[in-house]
Amino acid sequence: MGTSSMYTGPSGNPLLPDDFDDTTNPDSQNGDDNSQDQENNNTDGDSAENNQSHNNDENSGNNQDSNGNENNWSNAKNFMSRYASGASRNFKRAVSSYVKAHGGSKSAAKSASSGIRSTSGLGQFLSSSSTQGIRETLSQYNVEYEGRTAKEILTDVINRIAPIPVTKEDSVARKALLRTMEVLYEKLDDENNDITTLEKIDKELLNEMIPIQVESYIYERIINDLGSRIESKSTSPADAISKEKELKEYINSKVETTLKDKDFSKIDFNNKMNKEVENLYEQCYKVMEDIL
């Protein structure tokens, strides 16, 4: 079934290139057997879930303890499975335990290297377009624009920022960028549908799009890591779609609130491993981690 392929954004993505493979490599971490054992033992409702959360909290600070780390991943998988199956409605705890399984918000952000690079790349493109102009920016990117549609131009920009992925992490970042560029395309779409369409990129649009990129990456990453739990435990494909949508809306709301009113034009996006961008991810992961 492939859970990530279920969600196609607000519409079919008009920017998806022919090489786009919308599949995931779920459950990339160890601990599946432990997770299954916990699922079999936790049949007495949310009280058992509360006990698991308490144990998870005790282990979350011990990132150097391999057993503790495995337990954290088992907890994350268990909570996501319970949410997907309907045994629990507490998807917030599933997300919180997932962040803790990464070693907490700081470690989760630091390990989001491809996400940071793609977010920095998007920020650089939008910032340059808003200050220098779209034609000058595209020339710097070696992207042809004369006689081409806005869709064709943006597809080339995507390939410059996040090339065809080699690693799983790169694939997650590329998927997130594709989703973000879809939103950008829809915001800019007009009857011209050429280079003049992209001339509307400004500071306001930059400030709109960076949170969308951060949210898209966090969502795609959790689906990549734990999406098979939703696929295997949901009662039907429609139920799995609903669960994914609920998770996406929750992540979106947390990122939107956390990054609200920030002026991203003040960030220097030229550094692909930007510490300021990493800090944005850490802030968002922290809010999700702290949910009780």
Protein backbone atom coordinates (compact mmCIF):
# COMPACT_ATOMS: atom_id res chain seq x y z
CA MET A 1 0.00 0.00 0.00
CA GLY A 2 2.82 2.44 0.84
CA THR A 3 1.50 5.06 3.20
CA SER A 4 3.50 7.98 1.91
CA SER A 5 2.07 7.52 -1.55
CA MET A 6 -1.43 7.92 -0.15
CA TYR A 7 -0.97 11.59 0.60
CA THR A 8 -0.66 13.73 -2.53
CA GLY A 9 -1.04 17.16 -0.99
CA PRO A 10 -3.91 19.52 -1.68
CA SER A 11 -4.03 18.29 -5.28
CA GLY A 12 -2.10 16.07 -7.66
CA ASN A 13 1.40 17.55 -7.66
CA PRO A 14 1.94 19.26 -11.04
CA LEU A 15 5.66 19.59 -10.35
CA LEU A 16 6.44 15.93 -9.79
CA PRO A 17 9.16 14.95 -12.28
CA ASP A 18 9.15 11.59 -14.08
CA ASP A 19 11.90 10.30 -11.77
CA PHE A 20 9.91 10.95 -8.59
CA ASP A 21 9.39 7.74 -6.64
CA ASP A 22 6.94 8.44 -3.83
CA THR A 23 7.74 5.40 -1.69
CA THR A 24 9.23 5.13 1.76
CA ASN A 25 11.72 3.03 3.65
CA PRO A 26 9.79 2.82 6.93
CA ASP A 27 10.98 1.55 10.26
CA SER A 28 14.59 2.31 9.44
CA GLN A 29 15.62 1.97 13.07
CA ASN A 30 16.12 -1.22 15.07
CA GLY A 31 13.69 -2.51 17.61
CA ASP A 32 10.80 -4.02 15.59
CA ASP A 33 10.73 -7.22 17.62
CA ASN A 34 10.69 -5.29 20.88
CA SER A 35 7.93 -3.08 19.56
CA GLN A 36 5.76 -6.06 18.63
CA ASP A 37 6.22 -7.56 22.08
CA GLN A 38 5.11 -4.31 23.68
CA GLU A 39 2.07 -4.10 21.41
CA ASN A 40 1.01 -7.57 22.48
CA ASN A 41 1.43 -6.71 26.15
CA ASN A 42 -0.26 -3.29 26.06
CA THR A 43 -3.93 -4.26 25.78
CA ASP A 44 -5.39 -2.45 28.76
CA GLY A 45 -5.88 0.99 27.20
CA ASP A 46 -4.31 4.34 27.82
CA SER A 47 -3.22 3.53 31.38
CA ALA A 48 -0.62 1.18 29.95
CA GLU A 49 0.28 3.90 27.47
CA ASN A 50 0.85 6.32 30.35
CA ASN A 51 3.20 3.84 32.01
CA GLN A 52 5.08 3.44 28.73
CA SER A 53 5.37 7.21 28.45
CA HIS A 54 6.83 7.41 31.94
CA ASN A 55 9.43 4.81 31.06
CA ASN A 56 10.10 6.57 27.79
CA ASP A 57 10.68 9.87 29.56
CA GLU A 58 13.20 8.26 31.87
CA ASN A 59 15.11 6.83 28.93
CA SER A 60 14.97 9.86 26.65
CA GLY A 61 17.84 11.67 28.36
CA ASN A 62 20.16 8.70 28.08
CA ASN A 63 21.09 9.05 24.43
CA GLN A 64 24.40 7.24 24.92
CA ASP A 65 22.69 4.15 26.33
CA SER A 66 22.02 1.83 23.40
CA ASN A 67 19.40 -0.15 25.32
CA GLY A 68 17.62 3.05 26.26
CA ASN A 69 17.70 4.22 22.65
CA GLU A 70 16.21 0.93 21.45
CA ASN A 71 13.49 1.27 24.07
CA ASN A 72 12.71 4.78 22.87
CA TRP A 73 12.30 3.56 19.30
CA SER A 74 10.16 0.67 20.50
CA ASN A 75 7.97 3.13 22.39
CA ALA A 76 7.66 5.37 19.33
CA LYS A 77 6.61 2.43 17.15
CA ASN A 78 4.25 1.14 19.80
CA PHE A 79 2.50 4.49 20.27
CA MET A 80 2.17 4.98 16.52
CA SER A 81 0.76 1.46 16.13
CA ARG A 82 -1.80 2.07 18.87
CA TYR A 83 -2.83 5.34 17.25
CA ALA A 84 -3.13 3.75 13.81
CA SER A 85 -5.18 0.81 15.09
CA GLY A 86 -7.56 3.02 17.06
CA ALA A 87 -6.44 1.63 20.45
CA SER A 88 -5.42 5.19 21.34
CA ARG A 89 -6.28 8.62 19.99
CA ASN A 90 -3.13 10.17 21.45
CA PHE A 91 -1.16 10.81 18.26
CA LYS A 92 0.62 13.66 20.06
CA ARG A 93 2.36 11.12 22.29
CA ALA A 94 3.37 9.13 19.24
CA VAL A 95 5.06 12.21 17.77
CA SER A 96 6.63 13.15 21.11
CA SER A 97 8.09 9.68 21.60
CA TYR A 98 9.39 9.76 18.03
CA VAL A 99 11.37 12.95 18.76
CA LYS A 100 12.70 11.39 21.95
CA ALA A 101 13.74 8.30 19.98
CA HIS A 102 16.02 10.58 17.97
CA GLY A 103 17.66 11.62 21.25
CA GLY A 104 15.48 14.68 21.79
CA SER A 105 14.80 17.84 19.81
CA LYS A 106 18.45 18.94 19.57
CA SER A 107 19.61 15.60 18.20
CA ALA A 108 16.58 15.30 15.92
CA ALA A 109 17.38 18.70 14.40
CA LYS A 110 21.11 18.01 14.10
CA SER A 111 20.45 14.73 12.28
CA ALA A 112 18.08 16.43 9.82
CA SER A 113 21.03 17.30 7.58
CA SER A 114 19.28 16.91 4.24
CA GLY A 115 16.30 18.84 5.50
CA ILE A 116 18.54 21.69 6.62
CA ARG A 117 20.33 21.74 3.26
CA SER A 118 17.11 21.75 1.24
CA THR A 119 15.51 24.40 3.47
CA SER A 120 18.62 26.55 3.15
CA GLY A 121 18.58 26.02 -0.60
CA LEU A 122 14.93 27.03 -0.87
CA GLY A 123 15.55 30.06 1.33
CA GLN A 124 18.50 31.10 -0.81
CA PHE A 125 16.43 30.82 -4.02
CA LEU A 126 13.46 32.76 -2.63
CA SER A 127 15.62 35.38 -0.93
CA SER A 128 17.68 35.98 -4.06
CA SER A 129 14.56 36.10 -6.24
CA SER A 130 12.94 38.68 -3.96
CA THR A 131 16.00 40.96 -3.79
CA GLN A 132 17.89 40.46 -7.07
CA GLY A 133 14.97 39.45 -9.26
CA ILE A 134 13.98 36.10 -10.69
CA ARG A 135 15.91 36.45 -13.95
CA GLU A 136 19.21 37.23 -12.23
CA THR A 137 18.65 34.39 -9.78
CA LEU A 138 17.86 31.85 -12.51
CA SER A 139 20.96 32.95 -14.41
CA GLN A 140 23.03 32.25 -11.29
CA TYR A 141 21.40 28.81 -11.08
CA ASN A 142 22.09 28.19 -14.78
CA VAL A 143 18.38 27.64 -15.37
CA GLU A 144 17.00 28.62 -18.77
CA TYR A 145 13.79 30.62 -18.58
CA GLU A 146 13.10 32.19 -22.00
CA GLY A 147 10.11 30.57 -23.63
CA ARG A 148 9.57 28.15 -20.75
CA THR A 149 6.63 27.73 -18.39
CA ALA A 150 6.82 28.51 -14.67
CA LYS A 151 6.34 24.81 -13.98
CA GLU A 152 9.33 23.84 -16.13
CA ILE A 153 11.46 26.51 -14.51
CA LEU A 154 10.55 25.48 -10.95
CA THR A 155 11.20 21.82 -11.76
CA ASP A 156 14.75 22.75 -12.77
CA VAL A 157 15.14 24.76 -9.56
CA ILE A 158 14.04 21.72 -7.54
CA ASN A 159 16.71 19.63 -9.24
CA ARG A 160 19.34 22.25 -8.39
CA ILE A 161 18.36 22.45 -4.72
CA ALA A 162 17.67 18.73 -4.12
CA PRO A 163 19.08 16.54 -6.91
CA ILE A 164 18.00 12.97 -7.53
CA PRO A 165 18.49 11.34 -4.09
CA VAL A 166 21.16 8.82 -3.26
CA THR A 167 20.32 8.23 0.40
CA LYS A 168 17.03 7.74 2.20
CA GLU A 169 17.52 11.06 4.02
CA ASP A 170 18.03 12.84 0.68
CA SER A 171 14.83 11.24 -0.60
CA VAL A 172 12.86 12.56 2.37
CA ALA A 173 14.22 16.07 1.82
CA ARG A 174 13.42 15.97 -1.90
CA LYS A 175 9.85 14.84 -1.25
CA ALA A 176 9.40 17.69 1.22
CA LEU A 177 10.77 20.21 -1.29
CA LEU A 178 8.46 18.90 -3.99
CA ARG A 179 5.46 19.35 -1.71
CA THR A 180 6.59 22.87 -0.82
CA MET A 181 7.16 23.84 -4.43
CA GLU A 182 3.68 22.59 -5.25
CA VAL A 183 2.28 25.10 -2.76
CA LEU A 184 4.51 27.83 -4.18
CA TYR A 185 3.37 27.00 -7.71
CA GLU A 186 -0.28 27.18 -6.69
CA LYS A 187 0.25 30.55 -4.99
CA LEU A 188 1.95 31.99 -8.08
CA ASP A 189 -0.16 30.36 -10.78
CA ASP A 190 -1.76 32.82 -13.18
CA GLU A 191 -2.82 33.05 -16.83
CA ASN A 192 0.70 33.93 -17.96
CA ASN A 193 2.38 30.79 -16.60
CA ASP A 194 5.84 31.96 -17.67
CA ILE A 195 8.80 33.78 -16.18
CA THR A 196 6.59 36.77 -15.30
CA THR A 197 4.63 34.50 -12.96
CA LEU A 198 7.76 34.00 -10.85
CA GLU A 199 8.38 37.73 -10.62
CA LYS A 200 5.81 37.77 -7.81
CA ILE A 201 8.28 36.10 -5.42
CA ASP A 202 8.93 38.57 -2.61
CA LYS A 203 9.85 38.76 1.08
CA GLU A 204 6.29 37.97 2.14
CA LEU A 205 6.29 34.79 0.09
CA LEU A 206 9.67 33.82 1.55
CA ASN A 207 8.21 34.11 5.05
CA GLU A 208 5.24 31.95 4.03
CA MET A 209 7.23 29.19 2.38
CA ILE A 210 9.99 28.45 4.91
CA PRO A 211 7.57 27.15 7.59
CA ILE A 212 5.85 25.03 4.91
CA GLN A 213 9.19 23.50 3.96
CA VAL A 214 10.08 22.75 7.61
CA GLU A 215 6.65 21.21 8.24
CA SER A 216 6.83 19.16 5.04
CA TYR A 217 10.23 17.74 5.94
CA ILE A 218 9.26 16.84 9.52
CA TYR A 219 6.12 15.12 8.24
CA GLU A 220 7.86 13.23 5.43
CA ARG A 221 10.56 12.10 7.84
CA ILE A 222 8.19 10.66 10.41
CA ILE A 223 6.21 8.93 7.66
CA ASN A 224 9.43 7.50 6.29
CA ASP A 225 10.44 6.17 9.71
CA LEU A 226 7.08 5.06 11.11
CA GLY A 227 4.68 5.09 8.16
CA SER A 228 4.50 1.31 7.92
CA ARG A 229 2.87 1.31 11.37
CA ILE A 230 0.00 3.34 9.95
CA GLU A 231 -0.13 1.14 6.87
CA SER A 232 -0.20 -2.17 8.75
CA LYS A 233 -2.33 -1.18 11.75
CA SER A 234 -5.04 0.99 10.17
CA THR A 235 -8.36 -0.67 9.49
CA SER A 236 -8.44 0.32 5.82
CA PRO A 237 -6.60 2.42 3.22
CA ALA A 238 -9.10 5.22 3.84
CA ASP A 239 -8.41 5.04 7.57
CA ALA A 240 -4.66 5.21 6.92
CA ILE A 241 -5.15 8.28 4.73
CA SER A 242 -7.18 9.89 7.51
CA LYS A 243 -4.50 9.12 10.10
CA GLU A 244 -1.76 10.57 7.92
CA LYS A 245 -3.82 13.69 7.30
CA GLU A 246 -4.40 14.14 11.02
CA LEU A 247 -0.67 13.83 11.71
CA LYS A 248 0.17 16.28 8.95
CA GLU A 249 -2.33 18.84 10.22
CA TYR A 250 -0.95 18.50 13.75
CA ILE A 251 2.66 18.96 12.63
CA ASN A 252 1.60 21.89 10.47
CA SER A 253 -0.14 23.59 13.37
CA LYS A 254 2.89 23.19 15.66
CA VAL A 255 5.36 24.46 13.09
CA GLU A 256 3.09 27.34 12.10
CA THR A 257 2.67 28.44 15.71
CA THR A 258 6.36 28.03 16.55
CA LEU A 259 7.63 29.98 13.53
CA LYS A 260 4.84 32.55 13.47
CA ASP A 261 5.90 36.17 12.79
CA LYS A 262 9.57 35.26 12.22
CA ASP A 263 11.32 37.27 9.53
CA PHE A 264 13.29 34.72 7.53
CA SER A 265 14.70 37.39 5.24
CA LYS A 266 17.18 38.13 8.03
CA ILE A 267 18.70 34.65 7.75
CA ASP A 268 21.74 34.19 5.55
CA PHE A 269 20.75 31.08 3.58
CA ASN A 270 24.01 30.86 1.65
CA ASN A 271 25.43 28.34 4.12
CA LYS A 272 23.81 25.01 3.24
CA MET A 273 24.35 23.67 6.78
CA ASN A 274 23.02 26.85 8.34
CA LYS A 275 22.92 26.78 12.16
CA GLU A 276 20.06 29.26 12.08
CA VAL A 277 18.02 26.84 9.98
CA GLU A 278 18.99 23.97 12.27
CA ASN A 279 17.70 26.06 15.16
CA LEU A 280 14.33 26.43 13.41
CA TYR A 281 14.04 22.66 13.26
CA GLU A 282 15.11 22.31 16.89
CA GLN A 283 12.43 24.78 18.03
CA CYS A 284 9.73 22.86 16.17
CA TYR A 285 10.90 19.45 17.38
CA LYS A 286 11.06 20.81 20.95
CA VAL A 287 7.41 21.87 20.91
CA MET A 288 6.39 18.41 19.70
CA GLU A 289 8.66 16.62 22.16
CA ASP A 290 7.27 18.50 25.17
CA ILE A 291 3.63 17.51 24.56
CA LEU A 292 2.39 15.37 27.48
